[in-house]
C-alpha atoms as a PDB file:
ATOM      1  CA  MET A   1       0.254  -0.210  -0.030  1.00  0.00           C
ATOM      2  CA  GLU A   2       2.366   2.316   1.117  1.00  0.00           C
ATOM      3  CA  ASN A   3       4.410   1.486  -2.245  1.00  0.00           C
ATOM      4  CA  LYS A   4       1.344   2.617  -3.976  1.00  0.00           C
ATOM      5  CA  LYS A   5       0.928   5.753  -2.583  1.00  0.00           C
ATOM      6  CA  SER A   6       5.153   6.501  -2.964  1.00  0.00           C
ATOM      7  CA  GLY A   7       4.808   5.843  -6.874  1.00  0.00           C
ATOM      8  CA  GLU A   8       1.247   7.712  -6.971  1.00  0.00           C
ATOM      9  CA  LEU A   9       3.553  10.684  -5.184  1.00  0.00           C
ATOM     10  CA  SER A  10       6.298  10.468  -7.474  1.00  0.00           C
ATOM     11  CA  LYS A  11       4.061  10.791 -10.800  1.00  0.00           C
ATOM     12  CA  ASN A  12       2.604  13.757  -9.438  1.00  0.00           C
ATOM     13  CA  PHE A  13       5.219  15.382  -8.873  1.00  0.00           C
ATOM     14  CA  TRP A  14       6.814  15.112 -12.454  1.00  0.00           C
ATOM     15  CA  TYR A  15       3.011  16.173 -13.705  1.00  0.00           C
ATOM     16  CA  VAL A  16       3.810  19.076 -11.915  1.00  0.00           C
ATOM     17  CA  LEU A  17       7.531  19.257 -12.831  1.00  0.00           C
ATOM     18  CA  LEU A  18       6.482  19.209 -16.384  1.00  0.00           C
ATOM     19  CA  GLY A  19       3.773  21.710 -16.690  1.00  0.00           C
ATOM     20  CA  THR A  20       5.653  24.354 -14.760  1.00  0.00           C
ATOM     21  CA  CYS A  21       8.710  23.971 -17.032  1.00  0.00           C
ATOM     22  CA  LEU A  22       6.089  24.357 -19.647  1.00  0.00           C
ATOM     23  CA  VAL A  23       4.477  27.218 -18.814  1.00  0.00           C
ATOM     24  CA  LEU A  24       8.171  28.851 -18.137  1.00  0.00           C
ATOM     25  CA  VAL A  25       9.053  27.796 -21.353  1.00  0.00           C
ATOM     26  CA  ILE A  26       5.920  29.671 -23.287  1.00  0.00           C
ATOM     27  CA  LEU A  27       5.908  32.548 -20.552  1.00  0.00           C
ATOM     28  CA  VAL A  28       9.929  33.126 -21.976  1.00  0.00           C
ATOM     29  CA  GLY A  29       8.970  32.879 -25.466  1.00  0.00           C
ATOM     30  CA  ILE A  30       6.210  35.878 -25.291  1.00  0.00           C
ATOM     31  CA  VAL A  31       8.600  37.601 -23.811  1.00  0.00           C
ATOM     32  CA  PHE A  32      11.360  37.007 -26.129  1.00  0.00           C
ATOM     33  CA  TYR A  33       8.588  38.030 -29.419  1.00  0.00           C
ATOM     34  CA  LYS A  34       7.020  40.769 -27.222  1.00  0.00           C
ATOM     35  CA  PHE A  35      11.089  41.988 -26.962  1.00  0.00           C
ATOM     36  CA  ALA A  36      12.171  41.228 -30.851  1.00  0.00           C
ATOM     37  CA  ASN A  37       9.158  43.223 -32.222  1.00  0.00           C
ATOM     38  CA  ARG A  38       8.797  46.288 -30.182  1.00  0.00           C
ATOM     39  CA  GLU A  39       8.713  49.453 -31.821  1.00  0.00           C
ATOM     40  CA  GLU A  40      10.235  52.934 -31.859  1.00  0.00           C
ATOM     41  CA  GLU A  41       9.163  54.803 -28.452  1.00  0.00           C
ATOM     42  CA  VAL A  42       7.270  58.229 -29.351  1.00  0.00           C
ATOM     43  CA  ILE A  43       6.429  61.061 -27.036  1.00  0.00           C
ATOM     44  CA  GLU A  44       3.824  63.114 -28.335  1.00  0.00           C
ATOM     45  CA  GLU A  45       3.220  66.913 -27.163  1.00  0.00           C
ATOM     46  CA  LYS A  46       0.054  68.597 -28.966  1.00  0.00           C
ATOM     47  CA  LEU A  47       0.342  72.349 -29.004  1.00  0.00           C
ATOM     48  CA  SER A  48      -2.574  74.787 -30.647  1.00  0.00           C
ATOM     49  CA  GLY A  49      -1.265  75.272 -33.680  1.00  0.00           C
ATOM     50  CA  GLY A  50       1.466  72.414 -33.756  1.00  0.00           C
ATOM     51  CA  ASN A  51       3.297  69.173 -32.806  1.00  0.00           C
ATOM     52  CA  ILE A  52       6.536  67.831 -31.323  1.00  0.00           C
ATOM     53  CA  GLN A  53       7.094  64.523 -31.116  1.00  0.00           C
ATOM     54  CA  LEU A  54      10.579  63.129 -29.362  1.00  0.00           C
ATOM     55  CA  ASN A  55      11.106  59.702 -31.143  1.00  0.00           C
ATOM     56  CA  TYR A  56      13.513  57.414 -29.475  1.00  0.00           C
ATOM     57  CA  THR A  57      14.674  54.172 -31.111  1.00  0.00           C
ATOM     58  CA  ASN A  58      14.167  51.806 -27.657  1.00  0.00           C
ATOM     59  CA  ALA A  59      11.962  51.925 -24.885  1.00  0.00           C
ATOM     60  CA  VAL A  60      14.562  53.773 -23.057  1.00  0.00           C
ATOM     61  CA  THR A  61      14.071  57.551 -22.846  1.00  0.00           C
ATOM     62  CA  GLY A  62      17.643  58.686 -21.397  1.00  0.00           C
ATOM     63  CA  LEU A  63      20.868  57.445 -20.982  1.00  0.00           C
ATOM     64  CA  SER A  64      22.421  55.383 -18.078  1.00  0.00           C
ATOM     65  CA  ILE A  65      26.232  55.126 -17.377  1.00  0.00           C
ATOM     66  CA  SER A  66      26.970  52.584 -15.147  1.00  0.00           C
ATOM     67  CA  LYS A  67      30.525  51.742 -13.360  1.00  0.00           C
ATOM     68  CA  ALA A  68      32.023  55.131 -15.291  1.00  0.00           C
ATOM     69  CA  THR A  69      35.560  55.479 -14.500  1.00  0.00           C
ATOM     70  CA  PRO A  70      37.215  58.946 -15.428  1.00  0.00           C
ATOM     71  CA  ILE A  71      38.151  59.971 -18.580  1.00  0.00           C
ATOM     72  CA  ALA A  72      38.954  63.837 -20.699  1.00  0.00           C
ATOM     73  CA  ASP A  73      36.778  65.246 -22.747  1.00  0.00           C
ATOM     74  CA  GLU A  74      38.778  64.312 -25.859  1.00  0.00           C
ATOM     75  CA  ILE A  75      37.855  61.157 -25.631  1.00  0.00           C
ATOM     76  CA  GLY A  76      34.347  61.538 -24.602  1.00  0.00           C
ATOM     77  CA  MET A  77      33.041  64.078 -27.316  1.00  0.00           C
ATOM     78  CA  LYS A  78      34.158  61.036 -29.904  1.00  0.00           C
ATOM     79  CA  SER A  79      33.496  57.883 -28.211  1.00  0.00           C
ATOM     80  CA  ASP A  80      31.289  55.448 -29.831  1.00  0.00           C
ATOM     81  CA  LYS A  81      31.282  52.408 -27.176  1.00  0.00           C
ATOM     82  CA  GLU A  82      27.831  51.116 -26.807  1.00  0.00           C
ATOM     83  CA  GLY A  83      26.228  52.701 -23.734  1.00  0.00           C
ATOM     84  CA  GLN A  84      28.418  55.999 -23.928  1.00  0.00           C
ATOM     85  CA  TYR A  85      25.773  57.567 -26.003  1.00  0.00           C
ATOM     86  CA  PHE A  86      21.968  57.923 -26.723  1.00  0.00           C
ATOM     87  CA  ASP A  87      20.286  58.988 -30.233  1.00  0.00           C
ATOM     88  CA  PHE A  88      16.879  60.359 -30.229  1.00  0.00           C
ATOM     89  CA  SER A  89      14.970  62.843 -32.815  1.00  0.00           C
ATOM     90  CA  LEU A  90      13.005  65.126 -32.944  1.00  0.00           C
ATOM     91  CA  ASP A  91      10.255  66.273 -35.528  1.00  0.00           C
ATOM     92  CA  ILE A  92       7.918  69.515 -34.834  1.00  0.00           C
ATOM     93  CA  GLU A  93       5.242  69.574 -36.909  1.00  0.00           C
ATOM     94  CA  ILE A  94       3.369  73.672 -37.595  1.00  0.00           C
ATOM     95  CA  ASP A  95      -0.363  73.709 -38.365  1.00  0.00           C
ATOM     96  CA  GLU A  96      -1.870  76.683 -37.813  1.00  0.00           C
ATOM     97  CA  ALA A  97       0.710  78.673 -35.545  1.00  0.00           C
ATOM     98  CA  LYS A  98       2.930  81.199 -37.080  1.00  0.00           C
ATOM     99  CA  THR A  99       6.183  79.815 -34.379  1.00  0.00           C
ATOM    100  CA  ILE A 100       6.904  77.241 -31.873  1.00  0.00           C
ATOM    101  CA  VAL A 101       9.375  77.472 -29.557  1.00  0.00           C
ATOM    102  CA  TYR A 102      10.898  74.917 -27.631  1.00  0.00           C
ATOM    103  CA  GLU A 103      14.019  73.437 -25.651  1.00  0.00           C
ATOM    104  CA  ILE A 104      15.276  69.564 -24.955  1.00  0.00           C
ATOM    105  CA  ALA A 105      15.964  69.323 -21.352  1.00  0.00           C
ATOM    106  CA  VAL A 106      17.423  66.468 -19.505  1.00  0.00           C
ATOM    107  CA  ILE A 107      16.605  65.048 -15.530  1.00  0.00           C
ATOM    108  CA  LYS A 108      18.625  63.303 -13.335  1.00  0.00           C
ATOM    109  CA  ASN A 109      17.333  60.106 -11.678  1.00  0.00           C
ATOM    110  CA  GLU A 110      18.273  60.916  -8.958  1.00  0.00           C
ATOM    111  CA  THR A 111      17.932  57.187  -7.399  1.00  0.00           C
ATOM    112  CA  ALA A 112      20.353  55.796 -10.035  1.00  0.00           C
ATOM    113  CA  SER A 113      23.174  58.656  -9.660  1.00  0.00           C
ATOM    114  CA  THR A 114      25.839  57.981  -7.510  1.00  0.00           C
ATOM    115  CA  ILE A 115      28.443  60.516  -9.177  1.00  0.00           C
ATOM    116  CA  GLY A 116      27.987  64.414  -8.219  1.00  0.00           C
ATOM    117  CA  ASN A 117      26.648  66.627 -10.600  1.00  0.00           C
ATOM    118  CA  ASP A 118      30.109  68.651 -10.882  1.00  0.00           C
ATOM    119  CA  ASP A 119      31.839  65.723 -11.526  1.00  0.00           C
ATOM    120  CA  ILE A 120      29.519  64.484 -14.743  1.00  0.00           C
ATOM    121  CA  ARG A 121      30.059  66.124 -18.131  1.00  0.00           C
ATOM    122  CA  ILE A 122      27.000  66.564 -20.302  1.00  0.00           C
ATOM    123  CA  TYR A 123      27.503  66.593 -24.590  1.00  0.00           C
ATOM    124  CA  LEU A 124      24.881  67.320 -27.252  1.00  0.00           C
ATOM    125  CA  GLU A 125      25.375  66.967 -31.004  1.00  0.00           C
ATOM    126  CA  LYS A 126      22.923  67.347 -33.445  1.00  0.00           C
ATOM    127  CA  GLU A 127      22.994  65.727 -37.307  1.00  0.00           C
ATOM    128  CA  GLU A 128      23.828  68.101 -39.923  1.00  0.00           C
ATOM    129  CA  SER A 129      24.746  66.718 -43.304  1.00  0.00           C
ATOM    130  CA  GLY A 130      25.104  63.385 -42.707  1.00  0.00           C
ATOM    131  CA  THR A 131      28.005  64.315 -39.254  1.00  0.00           C
ATOM    132  CA  TYR A 132      26.777  65.030 -35.704  1.00  0.00           C
ATOM    133  CA  ASN A 133      28.464  68.601 -34.531  1.00  0.00           C
ATOM    134  CA  LYS A 134      28.120  70.091 -30.841  1.00  0.00           C
ATOM    135  CA  VAL A 135      25.198  71.925 -29.439  1.00  0.00           C
ATOM    136  CA  PHE A 136      25.590  71.975 -25.938  1.00  0.00           C
ATOM    137  CA  GLY A 137      28.782  70.910 -23.843  1.00  0.00           C
ATOM    138  CA  PRO A 138      30.500  69.421 -22.895  1.00  0.00           C
ATOM    139  CA  ALA A 139      29.375  70.385 -19.362  1.00  0.00           C
ATOM    140  CA  ALA A 140      28.171  69.432 -15.248  1.00  0.00           C
ATOM    141  CA  TYR A 141      24.415  68.910 -14.362  1.00  0.00           C
ATOM    142  CA  LYS A 142      23.596  71.762 -13.770  1.00  0.00           C
ATOM    143  CA  PRO A 143      19.758  71.564 -12.403  1.00  0.00           C
ATOM    144  CA  LEU A 144      16.840  74.617 -12.560  1.00  0.00           C
ATOM    145  CA  GLU A 145      15.848  75.981  -9.339  1.00  0.00           C
ATOM    146  CA  LYS A 146      12.362  77.178 -10.797  1.00  0.00           C
ATOM    147  CA  ASP A 147      10.642  75.561 -13.663  1.00  0.00           C
ATOM    148  CA  SER A 148      11.676  77.172 -17.284  1.00  0.00           C
ATOM    149  CA  LYS A 149       8.864  79.019 -18.826  1.00  0.00           C
ATOM    150  CA  LEU A 150       8.407  76.596 -21.748  1.00  0.00           C
ATOM    151  CA  GLY A 151       7.969  73.720 -18.890  1.00  0.00           C
ATOM    152  CA  SER A 152      10.863  71.651 -17.788  1.00  0.00           C
ATOM    153  CA  PRO A 153      10.927  71.081 -14.136  1.00  0.00           C
ATOM    154  CA  ASP A 154      13.080  72.442 -11.693  1.00  0.00           C
ATOM    155  CA  GLY A 155      15.958  70.073 -11.262  1.00  0.00           C
ATOM    156  CA  SER A 156      15.785  69.749 -15.055  1.00  0.00           C
ATOM    157  CA  MET A 157      18.446  71.054 -17.495  1.00  0.00           C
ATOM    158  CA  VAL A 158      17.694  72.824 -20.493  1.00  0.00           C
ATOM    159  CA  LEU A 159      20.431  71.840 -23.082  1.00  0.00           C
ATOM    160  CA  VAL A 160      18.346  73.381 -26.248  1.00  0.00           C
ATOM    161  CA  LYS A 161      16.523  76.677 -26.494  1.00  0.00           C
ATOM    162  CA  GLU A 162      15.192  77.142 -30.177  1.00  0.00           C
ATOM    163  CA  SER A 163      12.803  78.347 -32.047  1.00  0.00           C
ATOM    164  CA  THR A 164      10.705  77.189 -36.081  1.00  0.00           C
ATOM    165  CA  LYS A 165       8.877  78.427 -38.325  1.00  0.00           C
ATOM    166  CA  LYS A 166       8.329  75.471 -40.055  1.00  0.00           C
ATOM    167  CA  SER A 167       8.248  71.979 -39.732  1.00  0.00           C
ATOM    168  CA  LEU A 168      11.511  69.959 -39.103  1.00  0.00           C
ATOM    169  CA  LYS A 169      12.864  66.535 -38.095  1.00  0.00           C
ATOM    170  CA  ASP A 170      16.463  67.098 -36.471  1.00  0.00           C
ATOM    171  CA  ASN A 171      18.552  63.936 -35.092  1.00  0.00           C
ATOM    172  CA  TYR A 172      20.538  64.195 -32.053  1.00  0.00           C
ATOM    173  CA  ARG A 173      23.262  62.370 -29.665  1.00  0.00           C
ATOM    174  CA  LEU A 174      23.504  62.655 -26.443  1.00  0.00           C
ATOM    175  CA  ARG A 175      27.054  61.852 -24.448  1.00  0.00           C
ATOM    176  CA  MET A 176      27.663  61.479 -20.916  1.00  0.00           C
ATOM    177  CA  TRP A 177      30.688  60.374 -19.148  1.00  0.00           C
ATOM    178  CA  LEU A 178      32.748  61.000 -15.341  1.00  0.00           C
ATOM    179  CA  SER A 179      35.113  64.061 -15.723  1.00  0.00           C
ATOM    180  CA  ASN A 180      38.938  63.074 -15.595  1.00  0.00           C
ATOM    181  CA  LYS A 181      39.184  65.814 -12.977  1.00  0.00           C
ATOM    182  CA  SER A 182      36.854  64.195 -10.636  1.00  0.00           C
ATOM    183  CA  LEU A 183      38.026  62.868  -7.332  1.00  0.00           C
ATOM    184  CA  THR A 184      34.880  60.126  -7.580  1.00  0.00           C
ATOM    185  CA  LYS A 185      36.699  56.862  -8.981  1.00  0.00           C
ATOM    186  CA  THR A 186      33.488  55.008 -10.231  1.00  0.00           C
ATOM    187  CA  GLY A 187      29.936  55.733 -10.131  1.00  0.00           C
ATOM    188  CA  ASN A 188      26.511  56.168 -11.960  1.00  0.00           C
ATOM    189  CA  TYR A 189      24.618  58.235 -13.252  1.00  0.00           C
ATOM    190  CA  SER A 190      21.366  58.391 -15.211  1.00  0.00           C
ATOM    191  CA  ILE A 191      19.089  61.019 -17.035  1.00  0.00           C
ATOM    192  CA  GLU A 192      16.167  60.594 -19.297  1.00  0.00           C
ATOM    193  CA  VAL A 193      15.523  63.716 -21.948  1.00  0.00           C
ATOM    194  CA  VAL A 194      12.137  65.236 -22.509  1.00  0.00           C
ATOM    195  CA  VAL A 195      10.993  68.228 -24.704  1.00  0.00           C
ATOM    196  CA  ASN A 196       8.727  70.771 -24.093  1.00  0.00           C
ATOM    197  CA  GLY A 197       7.374  74.022 -26.253  1.00  0.00           C
ATOM    198  CA  HIS A 198       4.805  76.680 -27.162  1.00  0.00           C
ATOM    199  CA  ALA A 199       2.846  77.753 -30.534  1.00  0.00           C
ATOM    200  CA  LYS A 200       2.476  81.197 -31.188  1.00  0.00           C
END
């Protein structure tokens, strides 16, 4: 009698284990499928008279560096290492407005950042005729003390403030590194890119 119960328990154990493995395989397959078929992330700000879209190449909305070591500005400005730059585009469509005034800002993730603001270097380039050219920095992170007139929140840092009378699409490349003048030997820093604007 005991042997029979033991055999049944053993069978039940294998059935449960097999069922669990099957569910895990299906879940992993679903996650992999969604990851492989992810679409470009689009954040849109509708203004009366026009639209501003900030487009990211994946679900990440900014740049994070981890276990960063100090490097010189000359190297950081040209580094093509994966994870040290972030590409995004700004798409502005003018409808009834005469002008759209906009600004590109970054917001520091306080929880994920261990490097001091003065020790970080932020650098932004814009693509022109196939070449990326400097539009900001390199500079330390200097947070706003109050909200900007265009809506960038206090604590964020404005990199670009422009106006346009026509629709446009601009490509940008954001870079970030730990300054070689820093006494910090290593650390993490994370920022998110945002855009704000007004139609006139």
